[in-house]
Amino acid sequence: MKKSLGAETIVPTTPVWVIGTYNREGKPNVMTAAWCGVCCSKPPCVYVSLRKATYTYSNIVERKAFTVSIPSENYAKEADYFGIASGKKVDKFSATGLTPVKSDLVDAPYVKEFPLILECKVIKIVEIGLHTEFIGEIMDVKADSSVLNEKNLPDIEKVKPIIWNMAGMTYHKVGNPIGQAFSIGKEI
């Protein structure tokens, strides 16, 4: 029998994405977000849900753009720092030694050292409650060549993205594959 845990946001895994923005003066900022994901395939879109109290919220409202920098597990400390420090008070790039890169497609920076980048323009803003969902159309995906497979697509085992466990408040690595999608189910 299953036990009720109540209406909670304790989904075991969410992605660790670093959202890049500029403030009104053009200062680059990043924050780590976990309330995010893919929300449409045509046009290709992702979403990030933020509280109005965050610095990034006002930056996205102002600039109508954001980037998603996907950190590898080698940058777990920096990704965590990006989520606990406020860009209103500190320069997160200077503090971590990482490099902001100006997107040539949208009005937002990304993290040079992270292997996979999405450049997004905001196409819709949805007020939900405590959070506001920003839907961004993906204008381009950029990847380090070292993380691409033979089909020039990101290889999850080379990107080594970080997964966040909300229920345990811990970061995790991606594990081994268990089967080919849209294939293993055909055995039933």
N, C-alpha and C. Protein backbone atom coordinates (compact mmCIF):
# COMPACT_ATOMS: atom_id res chain seq x y z
N MET A 1 0.84 -1.18 0.00
CA MET A 1 0.00 0.00 0.00
C MET A 1 0.89 1.25 0.00
N LYS A 2 0.49 2.22 -0.77
CA LYS A 2 1.24 3.46 -0.85
C LYS A 2 0.81 4.41 0.27
N LYS A 3 1.76 5.18 0.79
CA LYS A 3 1.50 6.13 1.86
C LYS A 3 1.39 7.53 1.28
N SER A 4 0.38 8.28 1.67
CA SER A 4 0.23 9.66 1.21
C SER A 4 1.30 10.54 1.83
N LEU A 5 1.96 11.34 0.99
CA LEU A 5 2.98 12.26 1.47
C LEU A 5 2.49 13.70 1.40
N GLY A 6 1.28 13.89 0.93
CA GLY A 6 0.72 15.24 0.82
C GLY A 6 1.09 15.89 -0.49
N ALA A 7 0.56 17.09 -0.71
CA ALA A 7 0.83 17.85 -1.93
C ALA A 7 2.17 18.56 -1.78
N GLU A 8 3.23 17.92 -2.24
CA GLU A 8 4.59 18.42 -2.07
C GLU A 8 5.35 18.35 -3.39
N THR A 9 6.44 19.09 -3.48
CA THR A 9 7.31 19.05 -4.65
C THR A 9 8.54 18.20 -4.34
N ILE A 10 8.29 16.93 -4.05
CA ILE A 10 9.40 16.04 -3.68
C ILE A 10 9.67 15.01 -4.78
N VAL A 11 9.62 15.46 -6.02
CA VAL A 11 9.96 14.59 -7.14
C VAL A 11 11.43 14.21 -6.97
N PRO A 12 11.75 12.93 -7.06
CA PRO A 12 13.13 12.52 -6.77
C PRO A 12 14.22 13.15 -7.62
N THR A 13 13.95 13.48 -8.88
CA THR A 13 15.02 14.06 -9.70
C THR A 13 14.52 15.23 -10.53
N THR A 14 15.33 16.26 -10.56
CA THR A 14 15.11 17.39 -11.46
C THR A 14 16.48 17.77 -12.01
N PRO A 15 16.51 18.42 -13.19
CA PRO A 15 17.82 18.80 -13.73
C PRO A 15 18.42 19.96 -12.95
N VAL A 16 19.72 20.06 -12.99
CA VAL A 16 20.42 21.23 -12.45
C VAL A 16 20.81 22.08 -13.66
N TRP A 17 20.12 23.19 -13.82
CA TRP A 17 20.38 24.11 -14.92
C TRP A 17 20.85 25.44 -14.34
N VAL A 18 21.78 26.07 -15.02
CA VAL A 18 22.26 27.39 -14.63
C VAL A 18 21.70 28.39 -15.63
N ILE A 19 20.90 29.31 -15.11
CA ILE A 19 20.20 30.29 -15.94
C ILE A 19 21.03 31.58 -15.99
N GLY A 20 21.36 32.00 -17.20
CA GLY A 20 22.17 33.20 -17.39
C GLY A 20 21.33 34.38 -17.84
N THR A 21 21.59 35.55 -17.24
CA THR A 21 20.89 36.79 -17.59
C THR A 21 21.83 37.97 -17.43
N TYR A 22 21.42 39.10 -18.00
CA TYR A 22 22.06 40.38 -17.74
C TYR A 22 21.10 41.23 -16.93
N ASN A 23 21.65 42.08 -16.05
CA ASN A 23 20.81 43.04 -15.36
C ASN A 23 20.64 44.28 -16.24
N ARG A 24 19.97 45.27 -15.73
CA ARG A 24 19.68 46.50 -16.48
C ARG A 24 20.95 47.18 -16.99
N GLU A 25 22.03 47.11 -16.20
CA GLU A 25 23.29 47.75 -16.56
C GLU A 25 24.19 46.86 -17.43
N GLY A 26 23.75 45.64 -17.70
CA GLY A 26 24.54 44.74 -18.53
C GLY A 26 25.50 43.84 -17.78
N LYS A 27 25.37 43.78 -16.44
CA LYS A 27 26.22 42.90 -15.64
C LYS A 27 25.73 41.46 -15.79
N PRO A 28 26.64 40.52 -16.14
CA PRO A 28 26.22 39.12 -16.28
C PRO A 28 25.94 38.48 -14.92
N ASN A 29 24.93 37.64 -14.89
CA ASN A 29 24.57 36.93 -13.67
C ASN A 29 24.10 35.53 -14.04
N VAL A 30 24.24 34.61 -13.11
CA VAL A 30 23.74 33.25 -13.26
C VAL A 30 23.09 32.80 -11.97
N MET A 31 22.12 31.93 -12.09
CA MET A 31 21.53 31.29 -10.91
C MET A 31 21.21 29.84 -11.25
N THR A 32 21.30 28.98 -10.28
CA THR A 32 20.95 27.59 -10.48
C THR A 32 19.45 27.42 -10.25
N ALA A 33 18.82 26.69 -11.15
CA ALA A 33 17.38 26.44 -11.05
C ALA A 33 17.12 24.95 -11.27
N ALA A 34 16.12 24.45 -10.59
CA ALA A 34 15.72 23.06 -10.77
C ALA A 34 14.28 22.94 -11.25
N TRP A 35 13.50 23.99 -11.13
CA TRP A 35 12.12 23.96 -11.64
C TRP A 35 12.19 24.36 -13.12
N CYS A 36 12.61 23.39 -13.94
CA CYS A 36 12.83 23.68 -15.35
C CYS A 36 12.74 22.40 -16.16
N GLY A 37 12.59 22.56 -17.47
CA GLY A 37 12.55 21.41 -18.35
C GLY A 37 12.11 21.78 -19.75
N VAL A 38 11.98 20.77 -20.58
CA VAL A 38 11.50 20.94 -21.95
C VAL A 38 9.98 21.02 -21.91
N CYS A 39 9.40 21.94 -22.68
CA CYS A 39 7.94 22.05 -22.67
C CYS A 39 7.30 22.03 -24.05
N CYS A 40 8.09 22.06 -25.13
CA CYS A 40 7.52 22.00 -26.47
C CYS A 40 8.61 21.58 -27.45
N SER A 41 8.20 20.82 -28.50
CA SER A 41 9.18 20.42 -29.51
C SER A 41 9.13 21.30 -30.75
N LYS A 42 7.98 21.86 -31.09
CA LYS A 42 7.86 22.77 -32.25
C LYS A 42 6.97 23.93 -31.85
N PRO A 43 7.50 25.12 -31.62
CA PRO A 43 8.92 25.43 -31.65
C PRO A 43 9.63 24.81 -30.45
N PRO A 44 10.92 24.57 -30.57
CA PRO A 44 11.64 23.98 -29.44
C PRO A 44 11.69 24.96 -28.27
N CYS A 45 11.14 24.55 -27.14
CA CYS A 45 11.04 25.45 -25.98
C CYS A 45 11.39 24.74 -24.68
N VAL A 46 11.92 25.53 -23.76
CA VAL A 46 12.14 25.09 -22.39
C VAL A 46 11.49 26.09 -21.46
N TYR A 47 11.32 25.70 -20.22
CA TYR A 47 10.76 26.61 -19.23
C TYR A 47 11.66 26.63 -18.00
N VAL A 48 11.59 27.75 -17.30
CA VAL A 48 12.19 27.86 -15.98
C VAL A 48 11.19 28.62 -15.12
N SER A 49 10.94 28.10 -13.93
CA SER A 49 10.00 28.74 -13.00
C SER A 49 10.79 29.36 -11.86
N LEU A 50 10.56 30.67 -11.66
CA LEU A 50 11.31 31.42 -10.65
C LEU A 50 10.39 32.20 -9.73
N ARG A 51 10.85 32.44 -8.51
CA ARG A 51 10.15 33.32 -7.59
C ARG A 51 10.45 34.77 -7.97
N LYS A 52 9.49 35.66 -7.77
CA LYS A 52 9.68 37.07 -8.10
C LYS A 52 10.80 37.70 -7.29
N ALA A 53 11.11 37.13 -6.14
CA ALA A 53 12.15 37.68 -5.26
C ALA A 53 13.55 37.49 -5.82
N THR A 54 13.71 36.63 -6.82
CA THR A 54 15.06 36.38 -7.32
C THR A 54 15.53 37.51 -8.24
N TYR A 55 16.82 37.70 -8.24
CA TYR A 55 17.47 38.69 -9.10
C TYR A 55 17.25 38.31 -10.57
N THR A 56 17.34 37.03 -10.86
CA THR A 56 17.17 36.53 -12.23
C THR A 56 15.77 36.82 -12.76
N TYR A 57 14.77 36.73 -11.90
CA TYR A 57 13.40 37.03 -12.33
C TYR A 57 13.33 38.41 -12.97
N SER A 58 13.82 39.42 -12.26
CA SER A 58 13.73 40.79 -12.79
C SER A 58 14.60 40.96 -14.04
N ASN A 59 15.73 40.25 -14.09
CA ASN A 59 16.58 40.33 -15.27
C ASN A 59 15.87 39.76 -16.51
N ILE A 60 15.20 38.65 -16.35
CA ILE A 60 14.48 38.05 -17.49
C ILE A 60 13.32 38.94 -17.92
N VAL A 61 12.60 39.50 -16.96
CA VAL A 61 11.50 40.42 -17.30
C VAL A 61 12.04 41.61 -18.10
N GLU A 62 13.18 42.13 -17.69
CA GLU A 62 13.79 43.29 -18.34
C GLU A 62 14.32 42.96 -19.73
N ARG A 63 15.03 41.84 -19.87
CA ARG A 63 15.76 41.53 -21.11
C ARG A 63 15.03 40.58 -22.06
N LYS A 64 14.01 39.88 -21.55
CA LYS A 64 13.21 38.93 -22.38
C LYS A 64 14.07 37.83 -22.99
N ALA A 65 15.09 37.41 -22.26
CA ALA A 65 15.98 36.36 -22.75
C ALA A 65 16.69 35.70 -21.57
N PHE A 66 17.13 34.47 -21.79
CA PHE A 66 17.96 33.77 -20.83
C PHE A 66 18.72 32.66 -21.54
N THR A 67 19.77 32.20 -20.92
CA THR A 67 20.47 31.02 -21.41
C THR A 67 20.36 29.93 -20.36
N VAL A 68 20.55 28.71 -20.81
CA VAL A 68 20.65 27.57 -19.91
C VAL A 68 22.03 26.99 -20.14
N SER A 69 22.86 27.01 -19.11
CA SER A 69 24.17 26.37 -19.15
C SER A 69 24.05 25.11 -18.30
N ILE A 70 24.35 23.98 -18.91
CA ILE A 70 24.22 22.71 -18.20
C ILE A 70 25.59 22.30 -17.68
N PRO A 71 25.76 22.37 -16.35
CA PRO A 71 27.07 22.05 -15.78
C PRO A 71 27.33 20.55 -15.77
N SER A 72 28.59 20.18 -15.93
CA SER A 72 28.96 18.78 -15.75
C SER A 72 29.18 18.55 -14.25
N GLU A 73 29.26 17.29 -13.88
CA GLU A 73 29.46 16.95 -12.47
C GLU A 73 30.75 17.55 -11.91
N ASN A 74 31.71 17.89 -12.77
CA ASN A 74 32.95 18.53 -12.32
C ASN A 74 32.72 19.92 -11.74
N TYR A 75 31.56 20.50 -12.02
CA TYR A 75 31.25 21.86 -11.57
C TYR A 75 30.09 21.89 -10.57
N ALA A 76 29.94 20.82 -9.80
CA ALA A 76 28.84 20.75 -8.83
C ALA A 76 28.95 21.86 -7.77
N LYS A 77 30.14 22.14 -7.28
CA LYS A 77 30.32 23.18 -6.24
C LYS A 77 29.93 24.55 -6.79
N GLU A 78 30.38 24.84 -8.02
CA GLU A 78 30.06 26.13 -8.62
C GLU A 78 28.56 26.25 -8.88
N ALA A 79 27.95 25.18 -9.37
CA ALA A 79 26.50 25.20 -9.62
C ALA A 79 25.74 25.42 -8.32
N ASP A 80 26.17 24.78 -7.25
CA ASP A 80 25.52 24.96 -5.96
C ASP A 80 25.68 26.40 -5.49
N TYR A 81 26.88 26.94 -5.62
CA TYR A 81 27.14 28.33 -5.23
C TYR A 81 26.23 29.29 -6.00
N PHE A 82 26.06 29.05 -7.29
CA PHE A 82 25.19 29.91 -8.11
C PHE A 82 23.76 29.93 -7.57
N GLY A 83 23.36 28.88 -6.87
CA GLY A 83 22.01 28.82 -6.31
C GLY A 83 21.89 29.39 -4.91
N ILE A 84 23.01 29.55 -4.21
CA ILE A 84 22.91 30.05 -2.83
C ILE A 84 23.37 31.49 -2.67
N ALA A 85 24.15 32.00 -3.60
CA ALA A 85 24.61 33.39 -3.54
C ALA A 85 23.66 34.27 -4.37
N SER A 86 23.50 35.51 -3.97
CA SER A 86 22.65 36.44 -4.71
C SER A 86 23.50 37.33 -5.61
N GLY A 87 23.10 37.40 -6.87
CA GLY A 87 23.77 38.28 -7.83
C GLY A 87 23.61 39.75 -7.49
N LYS A 88 22.67 40.08 -6.61
CA LYS A 88 22.53 41.47 -6.15
C LYS A 88 23.71 41.86 -5.28
N LYS A 89 24.32 40.87 -4.62
CA LYS A 89 25.37 41.15 -3.64
C LYS A 89 26.77 40.78 -4.10
N VAL A 90 26.89 39.78 -4.97
CA VAL A 90 28.22 39.32 -5.39
C VAL A 90 28.26 39.09 -6.90
N ASP A 91 29.46 39.16 -7.44
CA ASP A 91 29.70 38.79 -8.84
C ASP A 91 30.05 37.31 -8.82
N LYS A 92 29.10 36.48 -9.22
CA LYS A 92 29.28 35.03 -9.13
C LYS A 92 30.36 34.52 -10.06
N PHE A 93 30.55 35.19 -11.20
CA PHE A 93 31.62 34.77 -12.11
C PHE A 93 32.98 35.02 -11.48
N SER A 94 33.18 36.18 -10.89
CA SER A 94 34.46 36.49 -10.24
C SER A 94 34.70 35.54 -9.07
N ALA A 95 33.68 35.28 -8.29
CA ALA A 95 33.83 34.43 -7.11
C ALA A 95 34.23 33.00 -7.46
N THR A 96 33.74 32.49 -8.60
CA THR A 96 34.02 31.10 -8.98
C THR A 96 35.16 30.96 -9.97
N GLY A 97 35.55 32.06 -10.59
CA GLY A 97 36.59 32.00 -11.61
C GLY A 97 36.09 31.50 -12.96
N LEU A 98 34.78 31.37 -13.11
CA LEU A 98 34.22 30.94 -14.40
C LEU A 98 34.02 32.15 -15.31
N THR A 99 33.78 31.88 -16.58
CA THR A 99 33.81 32.92 -17.60
C THR A 99 32.44 33.17 -18.23
N PRO A 100 31.91 34.41 -18.16
CA PRO A 100 30.67 34.72 -18.87
C PRO A 100 30.97 34.94 -20.36
N VAL A 101 30.11 34.41 -21.21
CA VAL A 101 30.23 34.61 -22.65
C VAL A 101 28.92 35.23 -23.14
N LYS A 102 29.03 36.30 -23.89
CA LYS A 102 27.84 36.96 -24.43
C LYS A 102 27.29 36.13 -25.57
N SER A 103 26.02 35.77 -25.47
CA SER A 103 25.37 35.07 -26.57
C SER A 103 25.30 36.00 -27.77
N ASP A 104 25.48 35.45 -28.95
CA ASP A 104 25.35 36.26 -30.15
C ASP A 104 23.92 36.20 -30.71
N LEU A 105 23.04 35.46 -30.03
CA LEU A 105 21.66 35.31 -30.51
C LEU A 105 20.60 35.90 -29.58
N VAL A 106 20.87 35.90 -28.27
CA VAL A 106 19.91 36.43 -27.31
C VAL A 106 20.64 37.35 -26.34
N ASP A 107 19.89 38.17 -25.62
CA ASP A 107 20.47 39.16 -24.72
C ASP A 107 20.73 38.55 -23.34
N ALA A 108 21.67 37.59 -23.31
CA ALA A 108 21.99 36.89 -22.06
C ALA A 108 23.36 36.22 -22.20
N PRO A 109 24.04 36.02 -21.06
CA PRO A 109 25.34 35.35 -21.09
C PRO A 109 25.19 33.85 -20.78
N TYR A 110 26.22 33.10 -21.13
CA TYR A 110 26.28 31.70 -20.70
C TYR A 110 27.64 31.43 -20.08
N VAL A 111 27.80 30.24 -19.50
CA VAL A 111 29.04 29.88 -18.81
C VAL A 111 29.94 29.11 -19.79
N LYS A 112 31.07 29.69 -20.12
CA LYS A 112 32.00 29.12 -21.10
C LYS A 112 32.43 27.70 -20.75
N GLU A 113 32.69 27.43 -19.48
CA GLU A 113 33.25 26.15 -19.06
C GLU A 113 32.23 25.01 -19.05
N PHE A 114 30.94 25.30 -19.12
CA PHE A 114 29.93 24.25 -19.09
C PHE A 114 29.74 23.70 -20.50
N PRO A 115 29.56 22.38 -20.64
CA PRO A 115 29.63 21.74 -21.95
C PRO A 115 28.42 21.92 -22.88
N LEU A 116 27.27 22.29 -22.34
CA LEU A 116 26.06 22.35 -23.16
C LEU A 116 25.28 23.62 -22.83
N ILE A 117 24.88 24.36 -23.87
CA ILE A 117 24.25 25.67 -23.70
C ILE A 117 22.99 25.75 -24.55
N LEU A 118 21.93 26.34 -24.00
CA LEU A 118 20.72 26.67 -24.75
C LEU A 118 20.56 28.18 -24.71
N GLU A 119 20.32 28.79 -25.87
CA GLU A 119 20.10 30.23 -25.94
C GLU A 119 18.63 30.45 -26.23
N CYS A 120 17.94 31.18 -25.34
CA CYS A 120 16.48 31.25 -25.39
C CYS A 120 15.95 32.68 -25.37
N LYS A 121 14.94 32.91 -26.20
CA LYS A 121 14.20 34.18 -26.10
C LYS A 121 12.85 33.86 -25.46
N VAL A 122 12.41 34.74 -24.57
CA VAL A 122 11.15 34.53 -23.85
C VAL A 122 9.99 34.75 -24.81
N ILE A 123 9.10 33.75 -24.88
CA ILE A 123 7.92 33.88 -25.74
C ILE A 123 6.62 33.90 -24.94
N LYS A 124 6.70 33.50 -23.67
CA LYS A 124 5.48 33.51 -22.84
C LYS A 124 5.89 33.53 -21.37
N ILE A 125 5.10 34.26 -20.58
CA ILE A 125 5.28 34.32 -19.13
C ILE A 125 3.97 33.93 -18.49
N VAL A 126 4.03 32.92 -17.60
CA VAL A 126 2.83 32.40 -16.97
C VAL A 126 2.96 32.54 -15.46
N GLU A 127 2.04 33.29 -14.86
CA GLU A 127 1.99 33.42 -13.40
C GLU A 127 1.32 32.18 -12.84
N ILE A 128 1.96 31.49 -11.93
CA ILE A 128 1.40 30.23 -11.41
C ILE A 128 0.96 30.35 -9.96
N GLY A 129 1.69 31.05 -9.17
CA GLY A 129 1.47 31.15 -7.73
C GLY A 129 2.71 31.78 -7.16
N LEU A 130 3.43 31.04 -6.32
CA LEU A 130 4.69 31.54 -5.79
C LEU A 130 5.73 31.71 -6.91
N HIS A 131 5.61 30.92 -7.96
CA HIS A 131 6.56 30.97 -9.08
C HIS A 131 5.92 31.52 -10.35
N THR A 132 6.78 32.08 -11.19
CA THR A 132 6.40 32.53 -12.52
C THR A 132 7.17 31.68 -13.51
N GLU A 133 6.46 31.15 -14.48
CA GLU A 133 7.11 30.30 -15.48
C GLU A 133 7.46 31.13 -16.71
N PHE A 134 8.74 31.09 -17.06
CA PHE A 134 9.22 31.75 -18.27
C PHE A 134 9.44 30.68 -19.33
N ILE A 135 8.73 30.80 -20.43
CA ILE A 135 8.90 29.85 -21.52
C ILE A 135 9.81 30.50 -22.55
N GLY A 136 10.90 29.82 -22.85
CA GLY A 136 11.88 30.35 -23.79
C GLY A 136 11.99 29.48 -25.02
N GLU A 137 11.88 30.12 -26.17
CA GLU A 137 12.11 29.39 -27.41
C GLU A 137 13.62 29.23 -27.59
N ILE A 138 14.06 28.02 -27.86
CA ILE A 138 15.48 27.75 -28.05
C ILE A 138 15.89 28.27 -29.42
N MET A 139 16.79 29.25 -29.41
CA MET A 139 17.28 29.82 -30.67
C MET A 139 18.48 29.03 -31.19
N ASP A 140 19.24 28.43 -30.26
CA ASP A 140 20.37 27.59 -30.65
C ASP A 140 20.80 26.76 -29.45
N VAL A 141 21.39 25.61 -29.76
CA VAL A 141 22.05 24.77 -28.77
C VAL A 141 23.52 24.74 -29.15
N LYS A 142 24.38 25.01 -28.18
CA LYS A 142 25.81 24.97 -28.41
C LYS A 142 26.41 23.89 -27.50
N ALA A 143 27.33 23.10 -28.06
CA ALA A 143 27.95 22.03 -27.29
C ALA A 143 29.43 21.97 -27.59
N ASP A 144 30.21 21.69 -26.55
CA ASP A 144 31.62 21.42 -26.76
C ASP A 144 31.72 20.16 -27.62
N SER A 145 32.61 20.16 -28.58
CA SER A 145 32.73 18.99 -29.47
C SER A 145 33.10 17.74 -28.69
N SER A 146 33.75 17.90 -27.55
CA SER A 146 34.17 16.75 -26.74
C SER A 146 32.99 15.98 -26.13
N VAL A 147 31.79 16.57 -26.11
CA VAL A 147 30.64 15.87 -25.51
C VAL A 147 29.65 15.35 -26.57
N LEU A 148 30.04 15.43 -27.84
CA LEU A 148 29.15 14.97 -28.91
C LEU A 148 29.45 13.53 -29.28
N ASN A 149 28.38 12.82 -29.70
CA ASN A 149 28.55 11.45 -30.17
C ASN A 149 28.81 11.44 -31.67
N GLU A 150 28.83 10.26 -32.27
CA GLU A 150 29.12 10.14 -33.70
C GLU A 150 28.06 10.77 -34.59
N LYS A 151 26.87 11.05 -34.04
CA LYS A 151 25.80 11.72 -34.80
C LYS A 151 25.77 13.23 -34.52
N ASN A 152 26.80 13.74 -33.86
CA ASN A 152 26.88 15.15 -33.47
C ASN A 152 25.75 15.57 -32.54
N LEU A 153 25.36 14.68 -31.65
CA LEU A 153 24.37 14.97 -30.62
C LEU A 153 25.03 14.84 -29.26
N PRO A 154 24.55 15.59 -28.26
CA PRO A 154 25.14 15.48 -26.92
C PRO A 154 25.02 14.06 -26.37
N ASP A 155 26.10 13.55 -25.86
CA ASP A 155 26.16 12.23 -25.25
C ASP A 155 26.07 12.43 -23.74
N ILE A 156 25.04 11.90 -23.13
CA ILE A 156 24.80 12.12 -21.70
C ILE A 156 25.97 11.66 -20.84
N GLU A 157 26.66 10.61 -21.27
CA GLU A 157 27.79 10.11 -20.49
C GLU A 157 29.04 10.98 -20.65
N LYS A 158 29.05 11.85 -21.67
CA LYS A 158 30.15 12.79 -21.85
C LYS A 158 29.81 14.15 -21.25
N VAL A 159 28.54 14.56 -21.35
CA VAL A 159 28.11 15.82 -20.73
C VAL A 159 28.21 15.71 -19.21
N LYS A 160 27.82 14.57 -18.68
CA LYS A 160 27.83 14.31 -17.24
C LYS A 160 27.02 15.35 -16.46
N PRO A 161 25.73 15.53 -16.84
CA PRO A 161 24.92 16.53 -16.14
C PRO A 161 24.65 16.13 -14.70
N ILE A 162 24.28 17.12 -13.92
CA ILE A 162 23.99 16.91 -12.50
C ILE A 162 22.47 16.81 -12.33
N ILE A 163 22.06 15.90 -11.47
CA ILE A 163 20.64 15.74 -11.14
C ILE A 163 20.47 16.10 -9.67
N TRP A 164 19.37 16.80 -9.38
CA TRP A 164 19.09 17.19 -8.00
C TRP A 164 17.96 16.34 -7.44
N ASN A 165 18.16 15.82 -6.24
CA ASN A 165 17.15 15.04 -5.53
C ASN A 165 16.49 15.94 -4.49
N MET A 166 15.31 16.45 -4.83
CA MET A 166 14.60 17.37 -3.93
C MET A 166 14.28 16.71 -2.59
N ALA A 167 13.91 15.45 -2.62
CA ALA A 167 13.52 14.77 -1.39
C ALA A 167 14.69 14.63 -0.41
N GLY A 168 15.89 14.45 -0.92
CA GLY A 168 17.05 14.28 -0.06
C GLY A 168 17.97 15.48 -0.02
N MET A 169 17.66 16.51 -0.87
CA MET A 169 18.49 17.71 -0.96
C MET A 169 19.95 17.36 -1.30
N THR A 170 20.12 16.46 -2.30
CA THR A 170 21.44 16.02 -2.70
C THR A 170 21.58 16.08 -4.22
N TYR A 171 22.83 16.20 -4.67
CA TYR A 171 23.14 16.15 -6.11
C TYR A 171 23.59 14.74 -6.46
N HIS A 172 23.31 14.34 -7.70
CA HIS A 172 23.66 13.00 -8.15
C HIS A 172 24.23 13.02 -9.56
N LYS A 173 24.96 11.96 -9.89
CA LYS A 173 25.47 11.74 -11.23
C LYS A 173 24.44 10.94 -12.02
N VAL A 174 24.55 10.98 -13.33
CA VAL A 174 23.71 10.15 -14.19
C VAL A 174 24.29 8.73 -14.17
N GLY A 175 23.41 7.75 -14.10
CA GLY A 175 23.84 6.35 -14.05
C GLY A 175 23.91 5.70 -15.42
N ASN A 176 24.07 4.41 -15.43
CA ASN A 176 24.19 3.64 -16.66
C ASN A 176 22.85 3.51 -17.37
N PRO A 177 22.87 3.38 -18.71
CA PRO A 177 21.62 3.20 -19.44
C PRO A 177 20.98 1.86 -19.09
N ILE A 178 19.65 1.83 -19.11
CA ILE A 178 18.94 0.58 -18.82
C ILE A 178 18.21 0.02 -20.04
N GLY A 179 18.19 0.77 -21.14
CA GLY A 179 17.56 0.28 -22.35
C GLY A 179 17.36 1.41 -23.34
N GLN A 180 17.06 1.04 -24.58
CA GLN A 180 16.85 2.01 -25.64
C GLN A 180 15.40 2.49 -25.62
N ALA A 181 15.21 3.83 -25.57
CA ALA A 181 13.86 4.41 -25.54
C ALA A 181 13.11 4.05 -26.83
N PHE A 182 11.81 3.90 -26.71
CA PHE A 182 10.91 3.56 -27.80
C PHE A 182 11.29 2.21 -28.42
N SER A 183 11.93 1.36 -27.63
CA SER A 183 12.34 0.05 -28.11
C SER A 183 12.10 -1.03 -27.07
N ILE A 184 12.59 -0.84 -25.83
CA ILE A 184 12.49 -1.91 -24.83
C ILE A 184 11.04 -2.25 -24.52
N GLY A 185 10.14 -1.29 -24.67
CA GLY A 185 8.73 -1.56 -24.42
C GLY A 185 8.10 -2.48 -25.44
N LYS A 186 8.72 -2.63 -26.59
CA LYS A 186 8.19 -3.51 -27.63
C LYS A 186 8.28 -4.98 -27.24
N GLU A 187 9.07 -5.26 -26.18
CA GLU A 187 9.19 -6.64 -25.70
C GLU A 187 7.92 -7.13 -25.00
N ILE A 188 7.04 -6.20 -24.65
CA ILE A 188 5.80 -6.56 -23.94
C ILE A 188 4.77 -7.05 -24.93
